[in-house]
Amino acid sequence: MDLPQSQDPIEELITNYNELNSPIIEELTEEPSPLEFMRFVARNTPFVVRGAAADWQATKTWTVDFLMQFLGDQLVNVAVTPAGNADAPTPFTHPDGTTTLVLAKPHEEYQPFSAFLSYLTAQEKATKATGEPEEVRYAQTQNDNLRHEYRRLQAHVPGDIAFARVALAAAAGPAAAGARGGGPDAVNLWIGNSRSVTALHRDAYENLYVQVAGRKHFTLLPPAFQPGVNERLLRGARYRRVVGAAGDGRRGGGGGGLELVLDEDLEEADQEEEEGKKGMVPFPTWDPDRPEENATRYSRLAQPMRVTLEPGDMLYLPCLWYHKVSQSCSPEGVCIAVNYWYDMDFTGPLYPLSTFVRSVSSKTDSSCKDDGGTVPP
């Protein structure tokens, strides 16, 4: 039986958080000291440093022409989707006509870097009023790619963020800190255009995100808002090319289309099981930019924090914060960013309280169901 709203502990939790914390992100004009940064980490509170990376070699030199010449035809991993919606809740129609939400992963393929970058810029500069959809491409592997796939560019950015060394090495624990000398767990490069949007999600990483070219638009929500994001267990799916076929009707290289296929229907399907359900992934289905859709009883309490990163800006995105990201391109037609991931500290109260809130909210809000995300007709 549901409690009266005045006695709802989840609503009280979110309301108290909103009353004690501002929805306006703190902006700094210079990097914090290690001690100042540790205070932000301890509070699990984001901030932005305007111009923190303005003097980085990457910020000064990574133009389209420079990158074309520097990387040339080196093969790079590219994520391909029909609408820029990689790793996002997406309607899937089954053979029996029913429709459910699935977590749609991108098709991945290797392309010459020069061809990839040329495609991005041409697509961004072309008119969007032609009525003919095109596939969207994004370099977004999130696997420490700047120190591996793009290692030729590695020297153009710092190996780590100096003011974060003490706090985040300590947060990761002595074993992790010793294994990597207190440095980041991963350094990732992101290259795309304005058609790519990252769906609302959260990561178990402390994240220092640096904008190099173009602009990124972040919408942030704290871990305490978990009951409002309508997290569901979604079946995994992946886009794949259908060469010489219509696919979903969107143009692809070589005349191929893209179609969405459930993981269990692919030969390389993930065999891992979570809570006894093969291929099920917990993922938010509520969108802060469409607040009336897929809402829970708590979604109305949202106070999203919004911030835009200009070239040279740095965002501290604390672990477990929900974030949705869209982007605007530079005049050259690209958006480029670098981020540093540090392992979060699973000791202390943050992670246990987060899992507790998830468990309690799933029992107090009947709309938070792990039912596969059925889409109503």
Protein backbone atom coordinates (compact mmCIF):
# COMPACT_ATOMS: atom_id res chain seq x y z
CA MET A 1 0.00 0.00 0.00
CA ASP A 2 1.36 3.38 -0.98
CA LEU A 3 2.13 5.85 1.76
CA PRO A 4 0.50 9.31 1.67
CA GLN A 5 2.76 11.70 -0.18
CA SER A 6 3.42 13.63 3.02
CA GLN A 7 4.91 10.44 4.49
CA ASP A 8 6.73 9.24 1.39
CA PRO A 9 10.39 8.90 2.45
CA ILE A 10 11.63 8.98 -1.16
CA GLU A 11 9.86 12.24 -1.90
CA GLU A 12 11.18 13.65 1.36
CA LEU A 13 14.72 12.62 0.41
CA ILE A 14 14.57 14.33 -2.99
CA THR A 15 12.85 17.42 -1.58
CA ASN A 16 15.44 17.77 1.17
CA TYR A 17 18.25 17.42 -1.37
CA ASN A 18 16.71 20.12 -3.55
CA GLU A 19 16.34 22.47 -0.60
CA LEU A 20 19.94 22.02 0.51
CA ASN A 21 21.65 22.09 -2.91
CA SER A 22 21.52 24.70 -5.65
CA PRO A 23 20.55 23.64 -9.20
CA ILE A 24 23.07 26.20 -10.50
CA ILE A 25 26.50 24.74 -11.17
CA GLU A 26 29.43 26.47 -9.52
CA GLU A 27 31.75 28.15 -12.03
CA LEU A 28 35.44 28.72 -11.29
CA THR A 29 37.78 31.02 -13.17
CA GLU A 30 40.88 29.06 -12.23
CA GLU A 31 41.71 25.50 -11.31
CA PRO A 32 40.99 24.57 -7.68
CA SER A 33 43.78 23.58 -5.34
CA PRO A 34 44.01 19.85 -4.48
CA LEU A 35 42.36 20.59 -1.13
CA GLU A 36 39.55 22.60 -2.71
CA PHE A 37 38.96 19.82 -5.23
CA MET A 38 38.85 17.20 -2.47
CA ARG A 39 36.01 19.14 -0.88
CA PHE A 40 33.99 18.92 -4.12
CA VAL A 41 34.69 15.18 -4.30
CA ALA A 42 33.66 14.70 -0.67
CA ARG A 43 30.36 16.51 -1.37
CA ASN A 44 29.86 14.70 -4.70
CA THR A 45 29.22 18.12 -6.28
CA PRO A 46 29.99 19.14 -9.89
CA PHE A 47 31.68 22.34 -11.00
CA VAL A 48 33.10 23.84 -14.18
CA VAL A 49 36.43 25.64 -14.64
CA ARG A 50 36.13 28.15 -17.45
CA GLY A 51 39.20 28.22 -19.68
CA ALA A 52 41.07 25.53 -17.73
CA ALA A 53 42.37 23.94 -20.94
CA ALA A 54 42.63 27.07 -23.06
CA ASP A 55 46.41 26.71 -23.30
CA TRP A 56 46.50 22.99 -24.02
CA GLN A 57 48.15 22.03 -27.29
CA ALA A 58 45.00 20.14 -28.28
CA THR A 59 42.78 23.17 -27.81
CA LYS A 60 45.12 25.34 -29.86
CA THR A 61 45.98 22.95 -32.71
CA TRP A 62 43.25 20.34 -33.25
CA THR A 63 41.70 21.84 -36.35
CA VAL A 64 40.16 19.67 -39.05
CA ASP A 65 43.12 20.23 -41.38
CA PHE A 66 45.63 19.40 -38.65
CA LEU A 67 43.88 16.18 -37.65
CA MET A 68 43.45 15.15 -41.28
CA GLN A 69 47.17 15.52 -41.90
CA PHE A 70 48.28 14.12 -38.55
CA LEU A 71 46.17 10.95 -38.56
CA GLY A 72 45.53 10.58 -42.29
CA ASP A 73 44.03 7.23 -43.25
CA GLN A 74 44.68 5.52 -39.92
CA LEU A 75 41.82 3.12 -39.25
CA VAL A 76 39.64 4.13 -36.29
CA ASN A 77 36.62 2.60 -34.62
CA VAL A 78 33.40 4.42 -35.51
CA ALA A 79 29.97 4.01 -33.90
CA VAL A 80 27.18 4.14 -36.50
CA THR A 81 23.48 4.72 -35.76
CA PRO A 82 20.51 5.87 -37.84
CA ALA A 83 19.77 8.92 -35.69
CA GLY A 84 22.71 9.58 -33.36
CA ASN A 85 21.13 7.53 -30.58
CA ALA A 86 23.87 5.12 -29.51
CA ASP A 87 23.38 3.38 -26.15
CA ALA A 88 19.85 4.70 -25.79
CA PRO A 89 16.38 3.32 -24.93
CA THR A 90 14.80 2.67 -28.32
CA PRO A 91 11.44 1.15 -29.38
CA PHE A 92 11.79 -2.30 -30.93
CA THR A 93 8.95 -3.99 -32.81
CA HIS A 94 8.82 -7.76 -32.45
CA PRO A 95 7.55 -10.16 -35.14
CA ASP A 96 4.21 -10.46 -33.29
CA GLY A 97 3.69 -6.70 -33.55
CA THR A 98 4.35 -5.85 -29.90
CA THR A 99 6.79 -3.05 -29.14
CA THR A 100 9.18 -2.80 -26.21
CA LEU A 101 12.03 -0.53 -25.24
CA VAL A 102 15.50 -1.99 -25.74
CA LEU A 103 18.96 -0.60 -25.08
CA ALA A 104 20.22 0.01 -28.61
CA LYS A 105 23.98 -0.17 -29.05
CA PRO A 106 25.63 1.21 -32.19
CA HIS A 107 26.99 -0.71 -35.12
CA GLU A 108 30.79 -0.49 -34.95
CA GLU A 109 33.18 -0.56 -37.87
CA TYR A 110 36.65 0.66 -38.77
CA GLN A 111 37.00 3.55 -41.18
CA PRO A 112 39.96 5.63 -42.37
CA PHE A 113 40.12 8.63 -40.05
CA SER A 114 40.20 11.08 -42.96
CA ALA A 115 37.01 9.58 -44.43
CA PHE A 116 35.30 9.61 -41.03
CA LEU A 117 36.17 13.26 -40.37
CA SER A 118 35.19 14.31 -43.90
CA TYR A 119 31.81 12.65 -43.44
CA LEU A 120 31.20 14.47 -40.15
CA THR A 121 31.99 17.91 -41.50
CA ALA A 122 30.10 17.43 -44.76
CA GLN A 123 27.02 16.17 -42.92
CA GLU A 124 27.12 19.06 -40.46
CA LYS A 125 27.41 21.67 -43.19
CA ALA A 126 24.79 20.13 -45.47
CA THR A 127 21.20 21.28 -45.26
CA LYS A 128 19.05 19.27 -42.87
CA ALA A 129 15.90 20.03 -44.85
CA THR A 130 16.44 17.50 -47.64
CA GLY A 131 14.10 14.97 -46.02
CA GLU A 132 16.57 12.16 -46.62
CA PRO A 133 17.91 10.73 -43.36
CA GLU A 134 21.56 9.81 -43.09
CA GLU A 135 23.39 7.60 -40.66
CA VAL A 136 25.23 9.31 -37.83
CA ARG A 137 28.86 8.50 -37.03
CA TYR A 138 30.68 9.10 -33.76
CA ALA A 139 34.13 8.21 -32.38
CA GLN A 140 33.15 7.23 -28.84
CA THR A 141 34.82 3.95 -27.90
CA GLN A 142 35.30 4.85 -24.19
CA ASN A 143 38.09 2.28 -23.83
CA ASP A 144 41.07 4.53 -23.01
CA ASN A 145 41.30 5.21 -26.73
CA LEU A 146 43.49 8.32 -26.44
CA ARG A 147 46.28 6.21 -24.96
CA HIS A 148 45.80 3.42 -27.50
CA GLU A 149 43.91 3.97 -30.75
CA TYR A 150 44.72 7.71 -30.82
CA ARG A 151 48.05 7.51 -28.97
CA ARG A 152 49.73 9.74 -31.57
CA LEU A 153 47.63 12.57 -30.11
CA GLN A 154 48.30 11.65 -26.50
CA ALA A 155 51.17 14.12 -26.03
CA HIS A 156 48.84 17.01 -26.92
CA VAL A 157 46.97 16.76 -23.60
CA PRO A 158 48.19 16.25 -20.02
CA GLY A 159 48.49 12.67 -18.87
CA ASP A 160 46.30 13.48 -15.89
CA ILE A 161 44.74 16.45 -14.12
CA ALA A 162 47.22 17.71 -11.54
CA PHE A 163 44.75 19.08 -8.99
CA ALA A 164 42.86 15.75 -8.97
CA ARG A 165 45.78 13.43 -8.23
CA VAL A 166 45.51 13.33 -4.46
CA ALA A 167 41.72 13.19 -4.14
CA LEU A 168 40.98 10.70 -6.91
CA ALA A 169 43.95 8.42 -6.30
CA ALA A 170 42.81 8.21 -2.69
CA ALA A 171 39.21 7.67 -3.76
CA ALA A 172 40.14 4.73 -5.97
CA GLY A 173 41.90 2.99 -3.10
CA PRO A 174 45.55 2.09 -2.56
CA ALA A 175 45.56 -0.91 -4.91
CA ALA A 176 44.25 1.03 -7.90
CA ALA A 177 46.38 4.05 -7.11
CA GLY A 178 49.49 1.91 -6.96
CA ALA A 179 48.66 0.09 -10.18
CA ARG A 180 48.49 3.25 -12.25
CA GLY A 181 50.54 5.64 -10.15
CA GLY A 182 47.50 7.65 -9.13
CA GLY A 183 46.59 8.47 -12.75
CA PRO A 184 43.27 8.09 -14.53
CA ASP A 185 41.79 4.70 -15.31
CA ALA A 186 41.02 5.84 -18.86
CA VAL A 187 41.53 8.88 -21.10
CA ASN A 188 38.96 9.02 -23.89
CA LEU A 189 38.67 11.06 -27.09
CA TRP A 190 35.24 11.98 -28.47
CA ILE A 191 34.75 13.24 -32.04
CA GLY A 192 31.33 13.79 -33.60
CA ASN A 193 28.88 16.36 -34.90
CA SER A 194 25.65 17.88 -33.63
CA ARG A 195 23.52 14.89 -34.63
CA SER A 196 24.85 12.70 -31.82
CA VAL A 197 23.09 12.84 -28.45
CA THR A 198 24.04 10.83 -25.37
CA ALA A 199 20.99 9.55 -23.49
CA LEU A 200 20.58 10.10 -19.75
CA HIS A 201 22.78 7.65 -17.85
CA ARG A 202 25.31 7.49 -15.05
CA ASP A 203 28.81 6.05 -14.63
CA ALA A 204 30.74 4.58 -11.72
CA TYR A 205 33.63 6.93 -12.50
CA GLU A 206 34.83 10.31 -11.33
CA ASN A 207 34.89 12.26 -14.59
CA LEU A 208 36.93 15.31 -15.63
CA TYR A 209 35.59 16.37 -19.02
CA VAL A 210 37.43 18.85 -21.24
CA GLN A 211 35.96 20.54 -24.30
CA VAL A 212 38.45 21.01 -27.15
CA ALA A 213 36.33 22.16 -30.13
CA GLY A 214 32.65 22.97 -30.45
CA ARG A 215 30.37 22.98 -27.43
CA LYS A 216 28.82 20.32 -25.19
CA HIS A 217 25.49 20.82 -23.44
CA PHE A 218 25.13 18.82 -20.21
CA THR A 219 21.95 18.16 -18.26
CA LEU A 220 22.84 16.82 -14.80
CA LEU A 221 20.85 15.14 -12.03
CA PRO A 222 22.24 13.94 -8.68
CA PRO A 223 22.32 10.29 -7.54
CA ALA A 224 19.49 11.04 -5.08
CA PHE A 225 17.15 11.52 -8.06
CA GLN A 226 17.38 7.85 -9.06
CA PRO A 227 13.67 7.26 -8.28
CA GLY A 228 12.72 9.86 -10.90
CA VAL A 229 14.59 8.45 -13.91
CA ASN A 230 12.36 5.37 -14.29
CA GLU A 231 15.19 2.88 -14.49
CA ARG A 232 14.14 -0.38 -16.13
CA LEU A 233 15.77 -3.62 -17.12
CA LEU A 234 16.05 -3.39 -20.91
CA ARG A 235 17.00 -6.12 -23.32
CA GLY A 236 20.15 -5.39 -25.26
CA ALA A 237 20.08 -4.81 -29.01
CA ARG A 238 22.52 -3.63 -31.64
CA TYR A 239 22.36 -1.93 -35.01
CA ARG A 240 23.91 -3.85 -37.89
CA ARG A 241 24.40 -3.16 -41.55
CA VAL A 242 22.24 -4.87 -44.14
CA VAL A 243 24.25 -4.50 -47.32
CA GLY A 244 22.09 -4.15 -50.40
CA ALA A 245 18.89 -4.11 -48.34
CA ALA A 246 16.60 -1.35 -47.20
CA GLY A 247 17.31 -1.89 -43.52
CA ASP A 248 15.50 0.90 -41.68
CA GLY A 249 15.55 3.08 -44.76
CA ARG A 250 18.58 5.11 -43.82
CA ARG A 251 21.52 5.45 -46.12
CA GLY A 252 24.71 3.63 -45.25
CA GLY A 253 28.13 3.21 -46.77
CA GLY A 254 28.14 0.85 -49.70
CA GLY A 255 24.39 1.12 -50.10
CA GLY A 256 23.69 -0.74 -46.88
CA GLY A 257 20.96 0.12 -44.38
CA LEU A 258 20.90 -0.29 -40.61
CA GLU A 259 18.56 -2.54 -38.71
CA LEU A 260 18.14 -3.15 -35.00
CA VAL A 261 18.62 -6.75 -33.86
CA LEU A 262 18.21 -8.20 -30.37
CA ASP A 263 21.42 -9.45 -28.81
CA GLU A 264 20.12 -13.00 -28.47
CA ASP A 265 19.54 -13.04 -32.22
CA LEU A 266 23.18 -12.22 -32.97
CA GLU A 267 25.91 -14.85 -33.10
CA GLU A 268 28.06 -12.67 -30.87
CA ALA A 269 25.26 -12.14 -28.33
CA ASP A 270 26.32 -11.41 -24.79
CA GLN A 271 25.98 -14.56 -22.71
CA GLU A 272 26.15 -12.83 -19.34
CA GLU A 273 23.09 -12.93 -17.11
CA GLU A 274 21.91 -10.26 -14.69
CA GLU A 275 19.31 -11.11 -12.08
CA GLY A 276 18.59 -14.28 -14.02
CA LYS A 277 17.58 -12.43 -17.19
CA LYS A 278 19.93 -12.81 -20.13
CA GLY A 279 20.87 -9.55 -21.82
CA MET A 280 18.89 -7.32 -19.43
CA VAL A 281 20.53 -3.99 -18.61
CA PRO A 282 19.29 -1.47 -15.99
CA PHE A 283 18.93 1.90 -17.72
CA PRO A 284 16.97 5.17 -17.25
CA THR A 285 13.99 5.59 -19.57
CA TRP A 286 12.95 9.10 -18.47
CA ASP A 287 14.23 12.09 -20.45
CA PRO A 288 14.58 15.45 -18.65
CA ASP A 289 13.86 17.21 -21.95
CA ARG A 290 10.56 15.29 -22.29
CA PRO A 291 9.48 15.25 -18.66
CA GLU A 292 5.92 14.02 -19.24
CA GLU A 293 7.03 10.81 -20.98
CA ASN A 294 7.96 7.68 -19.00
CA ALA A 295 7.66 9.66 -15.78
CA THR A 296 7.46 8.20 -12.29
CA ARG A 297 5.66 9.80 -9.37
CA TYR A 298 8.99 11.43 -8.47
CA SER A 299 10.00 12.82 -11.86
CA ARG A 300 8.12 16.07 -11.18
CA LEU A 301 10.65 16.81 -8.41
CA ALA A 302 13.53 17.12 -10.87
CA GLN A 303 15.68 20.24 -10.72
CA PRO A 304 18.11 19.59 -13.60
CA MET A 305 21.45 21.34 -13.53
CA ARG A 306 22.35 22.56 -17.03
CA VAL A 307 25.74 23.74 -18.23
CA THR A 308 27.37 24.38 -21.61
CA LEU A 309 31.08 23.79 -22.09
CA GLU A 310 32.92 26.12 -24.45
CA PRO A 311 36.33 25.22 -25.95
CA GLY A 312 38.87 25.09 -23.13
CA ASP A 313 36.32 24.53 -20.36
CA MET A 314 36.59 21.64 -17.90
CA LEU A 315 33.70 19.96 -16.06
CA TYR A 316 34.01 17.86 -12.93
CA LEU A 317 31.20 15.30 -13.18
CA PRO A 318 31.07 13.29 -9.94
CA CYS A 319 30.49 9.56 -9.92
CA LEU A 320 26.89 8.31 -10.17
CA TRP A 321 25.54 11.65 -11.42
CA TYR A 322 23.03 11.23 -14.22
CA HIS A 323 23.89 13.16 -17.35
CA LYS A 324 22.45 13.72 -20.80
CA VAL A 325 24.73 15.32 -23.38
CA SER A 326 24.10 17.06 -26.69
CA GLN A 327 26.58 19.05 -28.73
CA SER A 328 27.07 21.97 -31.08
CA CYS A 329 29.83 22.05 -33.65
CA SER A 330 32.68 24.44 -34.27
CA PRO A 331 32.56 26.52 -37.47
CA GLU A 332 34.51 23.66 -39.08
CA GLY A 333 31.65 21.26 -38.37
CA VAL A 334 33.05 19.07 -35.57
CA CYS A 335 32.79 18.67 -31.82
CA ILE A 336 35.84 17.28 -29.98
CA ALA A 337 36.33 16.51 -26.30
CA VAL A 338 38.66 14.57 -24.01
CA ASN A 339 37.68 13.08 -20.68
CA TYR A 340 39.56 11.50 -17.80
CA TRP A 341 37.91 8.66 -15.90
CA TYR A 342 39.03 7.79 -12.38
CA ASP A 343 37.57 4.82 -10.51
CA MET A 344 35.04 5.80 -7.88
CA ASP A 345 35.41 4.89 -4.23
CA PHE A 346 32.91 2.14 -3.38
CA THR A 347 33.64 2.42 0.34
CA GLY A 348 31.85 5.00 2.45
CA PRO A 349 28.12 5.80 2.31
CA LEU A 350 27.52 6.99 -1.29
CA TYR A 351 27.29 3.68 -3.15
CA PRO A 352 25.40 1.72 -0.46
CA LEU A 353 22.90 4.56 -0.07
CA SER A 354 22.45 4.77 -3.83
CA THR A 355 21.63 1.07 -4.09
CA PHE A 356 19.33 1.35 -1.08
CA VAL A 357 17.37 4.20 -2.66
CA ARG A 358 17.05 2.19 -5.87
CA SER A 359 15.69 -0.79 -3.96
CA VAL A 360 13.22 1.23 -1.88
CA SER A 361 11.95 3.31 -4.80
CA SER A 362 11.26 0.21 -6.89
CA LYS A 363 8.89 -0.95 -4.15
CA THR A 364 7.17 2.37 -3.40
CA ASP A 365 6.57 3.51 -6.98
CA SER A 366 4.51 1.11 -9.06
CA SER A 367 5.64 2.82 -12.28
CA CYS A 368 9.27 1.77 -11.68
CA LYS A 369 8.92 -1.73 -13.09
CA ASP A 370 11.56 -4.05 -14.46
CA ASP A 371 9.15 -5.26 -17.12
CA GLY A 372 11.24 -4.88 -20.23
CA GLY A 373 9.98 -1.38 -20.91
CA THR A 374 6.75 -2.12 -22.79
CA VAL A 375 5.74 0.78 -24.99
CA PRO A 376 1.98 1.47 -24.79
CA PRO A 377 0.09 1.41 -28.11
